[in-house]
């Protein structure tokens, strides 16, 4: 069975993803900058209301994946909160200055998650040597790795994703993400041999505000949110592809 994970940037988006047929939600904030850790309030209420598995992105800031001691402490505290609230999985990743997996920090993060499965996020695509990084991630005990194959989109990196799937040999789930939609997900599944897929399925939302402060012209009142029709279309495309396969 193919699994559809939706990256949701809010409680509303998580609930939309659930109702539209997602199998799992990755909860975060700041999707436009690659995602950061959601607020405690967002996390707590989403955990209360969601009935499908809830994975939480633990990333203290946008930018690179090289973290100092203070950022590491924040990440560990956030994981503690996720465990305490009964979340189903954690999504993290960290590299050292040379682009290798930060074995020490990642080991601490996996340990802090306890029995929860942990995904190594797209820091993997920034690693110096993906084949070596994959073995390190497997050795650390990660359950899955999110990757676009080192390219701007998963379709562009499909060949690399397929190579990661072959290298993994079932020891870890290789989950493509980036630019996935209903129009390409079936082809991506066929090209890579992957069975889990990560998408945001987001669409623009226009503010209902009638008053717009003229002094804040550069501050947009609009935002993006998970779109139910896009999730349903992804679900249908995945299911149809699985039946043909």
Protein backbone atom coordinates (compact mmCIF):
# COMPACT_ATOMS: atom_id res chain seq x y z
CA UNK A 1 0.00 0.00 0.00
CA UNK A 2 1.24 3.48 -0.84
CA UNK A 3 1.38 6.00 2.01
CA UNK A 4 0.59 9.68 1.52
CA UNK A 5 2.14 12.08 4.04
CA UNK A 6 1.02 15.70 3.95
CA UNK A 7 3.19 18.53 5.28
CA UNK A 8 0.69 20.70 7.16
CA UNK A 9 1.59 24.18 8.33
CA UNK A 10 -1.31 24.63 10.72
CA UNK A 11 -4.09 22.90 12.64
CA UNK A 12 -6.52 23.73 9.84
CA UNK A 13 -4.23 22.20 7.22
CA UNK A 14 -3.71 19.05 9.31
CA UNK A 15 -7.45 18.52 9.64
CA UNK A 16 -7.99 19.15 5.92
CA UNK A 17 -5.30 16.57 5.13
CA UNK A 18 -6.97 14.02 7.38
CA UNK A 19 -10.45 14.52 5.95
CA UNK A 20 -9.20 14.45 2.34
CA UNK A 21 -7.46 11.07 2.62
CA UNK A 22 -3.91 11.56 3.88
CA UNK A 23 -2.37 8.66 5.78
CA UNK A 24 -0.10 10.79 7.94
CA UNK A 25 0.58 14.45 8.73
CA UNK A 26 3.95 16.10 9.20
CA UNK A 27 3.16 19.17 11.28
CA UNK A 28 5.37 22.23 10.96
CA UNK A 29 5.37 26.00 10.61
CA UNK A 30 7.01 28.21 7.97
CA UNK A 31 6.63 25.92 4.98
CA UNK A 32 7.84 28.69 2.70
CA UNK A 33 11.28 28.48 4.32
CA UNK A 34 11.41 24.69 4.44
CA UNK A 35 9.52 24.30 7.71
CA UNK A 36 10.31 24.86 11.38
CA UNK A 37 9.02 23.47 14.66
CA UNK A 38 5.34 24.26 15.27
CA UNK A 39 4.28 26.14 18.39
CA UNK A 40 3.38 24.16 21.48
CA UNK A 41 -0.24 25.29 21.18
CA UNK A 42 -0.48 24.19 17.56
CA UNK A 43 1.11 20.87 18.42
CA UNK A 44 -1.07 20.19 21.47
CA UNK A 45 -4.41 20.94 19.86
CA UNK A 46 -3.51 19.14 16.64
CA UNK A 47 -2.60 16.06 18.66
CA UNK A 48 -5.97 16.24 20.41
CA UNK A 49 -7.97 16.46 17.20
CA UNK A 50 -6.07 14.37 14.67
CA UNK A 51 -6.90 10.68 14.32
CA UNK A 52 -4.24 9.75 11.78
CA UNK A 53 -0.53 9.50 12.71
CA UNK A 54 1.06 12.84 13.57
CA UNK A 55 4.76 13.37 12.91
CA UNK A 56 6.33 16.65 14.04
CA UNK A 57 9.13 18.57 12.36
CA UNK A 58 11.75 19.61 14.92
CA UNK A 59 13.86 22.31 13.29
CA UNK A 60 14.72 25.38 15.37
CA UNK A 61 15.20 27.79 12.48
CA UNK A 62 15.36 28.16 8.73
CA UNK A 63 18.68 28.11 6.92
CA UNK A 64 21.37 25.45 7.06
CA UNK A 65 21.37 22.27 9.13
CA UNK A 66 24.47 23.03 11.21
CA UNK A 67 23.32 23.51 14.80
CA UNK A 68 25.08 24.86 17.86
CA UNK A 69 24.71 23.73 21.47
CA UNK A 70 21.83 26.08 22.26
CA UNK A 71 19.88 24.98 19.18
CA UNK A 72 20.52 21.34 20.03
CA UNK A 73 19.10 21.91 23.51
CA UNK A 74 15.98 23.49 22.03
CA UNK A 75 15.52 20.52 19.68
CA UNK A 76 15.84 18.04 22.52
CA UNK A 77 13.29 19.95 24.59
CA UNK A 78 10.89 20.04 21.64
CA UNK A 79 11.21 16.29 21.19
CA UNK A 80 10.44 15.84 24.89
CA UNK A 81 7.23 17.81 24.35
CA UNK A 82 6.28 15.67 21.35
CA UNK A 83 6.81 12.47 23.32
CA UNK A 84 4.84 13.80 26.29
CA UNK A 85 1.91 14.86 24.09
CA UNK A 86 1.68 11.43 22.47
CA UNK A 87 2.83 12.26 18.95
CA UNK A 88 3.53 9.37 16.60
CA UNK A 89 6.88 10.34 15.12
CA UNK A 90 9.63 12.95 14.89
CA UNK A 91 11.25 14.56 11.84
CA UNK A 92 14.79 15.91 12.30
CA UNK A 93 18.18 16.20 10.64
CA UNK A 94 21.59 17.76 11.26
CA UNK A 95 24.89 18.03 9.40
CA UNK A 96 28.41 18.99 10.40
CA UNK A 97 30.51 21.72 8.79
CA UNK A 98 31.76 19.35 6.08
CA UNK A 99 28.30 18.24 5.00
CA UNK A 100 28.37 14.91 6.79
CA UNK A 101 25.59 13.66 9.06
CA UNK A 102 26.16 15.03 12.57
CA UNK A 103 26.39 11.63 14.22
CA UNK A 104 26.61 12.93 17.77
CA UNK A 105 23.62 15.27 17.63
CA UNK A 106 21.48 12.98 15.50
CA UNK A 107 22.18 10.14 17.91
CA UNK A 108 20.95 12.29 20.78
CA UNK A 109 17.81 13.27 18.87
CA UNK A 110 16.94 9.67 18.00
CA UNK A 111 17.55 8.65 21.62
CA UNK A 112 15.30 11.44 22.90
CA UNK A 113 12.49 10.19 20.65
CA UNK A 114 12.52 6.86 22.48
CA UNK A 115 10.23 4.37 20.76
CA UNK A 116 8.89 6.92 18.27
CA UNK A 117 10.00 6.44 14.65
CA UNK A 118 12.23 9.23 13.39
CA UNK A 119 12.49 10.62 9.86
CA UNK A 120 15.70 12.24 8.61
CA UNK A 121 14.42 15.23 6.65
CA UNK A 122 15.81 16.95 3.55
CA UNK A 123 19.04 17.85 5.27
CA UNK A 124 19.87 14.57 3.55
CA UNK A 125 19.79 16.37 0.20
CA UNK A 126 22.42 18.82 1.47
CA UNK A 127 24.80 16.04 2.51
CA UNK A 128 28.21 15.82 0.83
CA UNK A 129 27.98 12.10 0.03
CA UNK A 130 24.38 10.82 -0.13
CA UNK A 131 25.32 7.12 -0.27
CA UNK A 132 27.49 7.46 2.83
CA UNK A 133 24.87 9.62 4.56
CA UNK A 134 22.22 6.98 3.93
CA UNK A 135 24.31 4.31 5.65
CA UNK A 136 24.91 6.65 8.59
CA UNK A 137 21.21 7.44 8.92
CA UNK A 138 20.39 3.74 8.85
CA UNK A 139 23.05 3.05 11.47
CA UNK A 140 21.63 5.72 13.77
CA UNK A 141 18.25 4.01 13.78
CA UNK A 142 16.18 6.39 11.65
CA UNK A 143 13.00 4.81 10.29
CA UNK A 144 12.83 6.81 7.04
CA UNK A 145 14.56 9.48 5.02
CA UNK A 146 12.86 12.28 3.10
CA UNK A 147 14.62 13.17 -0.15
CA UNK A 148 14.23 14.79 -3.54
CA UNK A 149 17.28 12.92 -4.77
CA UNK A 150 19.36 16.04 -4.29
CA UNK A 151 17.39 17.98 -6.91
CA UNK A 152 14.86 20.80 -6.85
CA UNK A 153 12.00 18.32 -7.24
CA UNK A 154 11.61 14.61 -6.62
CA UNK A 155 10.77 14.03 -10.29
CA UNK A 156 14.06 15.63 -11.35
CA UNK A 157 15.86 13.48 -8.79
CA UNK A 158 13.90 10.29 -9.47
CA UNK A 159 16.98 8.41 -10.63
CA UNK A 160 18.83 9.23 -7.44
CA UNK A 161 15.80 8.38 -5.30
CA UNK A 162 15.60 5.00 -7.04
CA UNK A 163 19.29 4.45 -6.27
CA UNK A 164 18.64 5.23 -2.60
CA UNK A 165 15.74 2.75 -2.55
CA UNK A 166 17.99 0.05 -4.00
CA UNK A 167 20.79 0.83 -1.56
CA UNK A 168 18.41 0.82 1.40
CA UNK A 169 17.26 -2.76 0.64
CA UNK A 170 14.33 -2.37 3.00
CA UNK A 171 16.47 -1.27 5.96
CA UNK A 172 14.90 2.19 5.92
CA UNK A 173 11.95 3.78 4.13
CA UNK A 174 13.05 6.16 1.37
CA UNK A 175 10.29 8.75 0.95
CA UNK A 176 10.40 11.15 -2.01
CA UNK A 177 9.26 14.73 -1.46
CA UNK A 178 9.36 18.12 -3.24
CA UNK A 179 7.10 19.10 -6.13
CA UNK A 180 4.88 16.03 -5.86
CA UNK A 181 1.31 16.35 -7.11
CA UNK A 182 -1.47 14.27 -8.62
CA UNK A 183 0.04 14.67 -12.08
CA UNK A 184 3.37 13.04 -11.30
CA UNK A 185 3.02 10.86 -8.19
CA UNK A 186 2.15 7.65 -10.06
CA UNK A 187 5.07 8.11 -12.46
CA UNK A 188 7.35 8.85 -9.52
CA UNK A 189 6.26 5.66 -7.78
CA UNK A 190 6.95 3.63 -10.90
CA UNK A 191 10.33 5.27 -11.48
CA UNK A 192 11.64 4.96 -7.93
CA UNK A 193 10.04 1.91 -6.35
CA UNK A 194 9.10 4.08 -3.37
CA UNK A 195 5.90 3.43 -1.42
CA UNK A 196 5.67 6.53 0.77
CA UNK A 197 5.29 10.04 -0.62
CA UNK A 198 5.50 13.51 0.95
CA UNK A 199 3.62 16.54 -0.39
CA UNK A 200 2.25 19.83 0.89
CA UNK A 201 -0.75 19.96 -1.51
CA UNK A 202 -1.08 23.62 -0.61
CA UNK A 203 -2.97 26.40 -2.36
CA UNK A 204 -3.18 30.18 -1.84
CA UNK A 205 -5.72 31.58 0.59
CA UNK A 206 -6.86 35.17 0.21
CA UNK A 207 -7.42 37.25 3.31
CA UNK A 208 -10.98 38.33 4.10
CA UNK A 209 -9.67 41.61 5.52
CA UNK A 210 -11.39 44.58 3.89
CA UNK A 211 -8.99 47.04 5.50
CA UNK A 212 -5.35 46.85 4.44
CA UNK A 213 -2.97 49.19 6.26
CA UNK A 214 -1.25 51.21 3.52
CA UNK A 215 1.96 51.50 5.55
CA UNK A 216 2.29 47.70 5.46
CA UNK A 217 2.09 47.33 1.71
CA UNK A 218 4.95 44.82 1.65
CA UNK A 219 3.39 42.65 4.37
CA UNK A 220 1.08 40.22 2.62
CA UNK A 221 -2.22 39.40 4.27
CA UNK A 222 -2.59 36.20 2.27
CA UNK A 223 -1.16 32.75 3.01
CA UNK A 224 -1.15 29.12 1.83
CA UNK A 225 -3.02 26.18 3.29
CA UNK A 226 -3.45 22.50 2.51
CA UNK A 227 -6.07 22.17 -0.21
CA UNK A 228 -8.56 19.30 0.12
CA UNK A 229 -9.01 18.83 -3.62
CA UNK A 230 -5.26 18.53 -4.13
CA UNK A 231 -5.00 15.94 -1.37
CA UNK A 232 -7.93 13.97 -2.79
CA UNK A 233 -6.37 14.07 -6.25
CA UNK A 234 -3.05 12.82 -4.86
CA UNK A 235 -4.82 10.03 -2.99
CA UNK A 236 -6.72 8.98 -6.10
CA UNK A 237 -3.61 9.05 -8.30
CA UNK A 238 -1.64 6.98 -5.82
CA UNK A 239 -4.41 4.41 -5.46
CA UNK A 240 -4.94 4.17 -9.22
CA UNK A 241 -1.23 3.71 -9.80
CA UNK A 242 -1.07 0.95 -7.18
CA UNK A 243 -3.96 -0.89 -8.87
CA UNK A 244 -2.25 -0.68 -12.28
CA UNK A 245 0.96 -1.94 -10.72
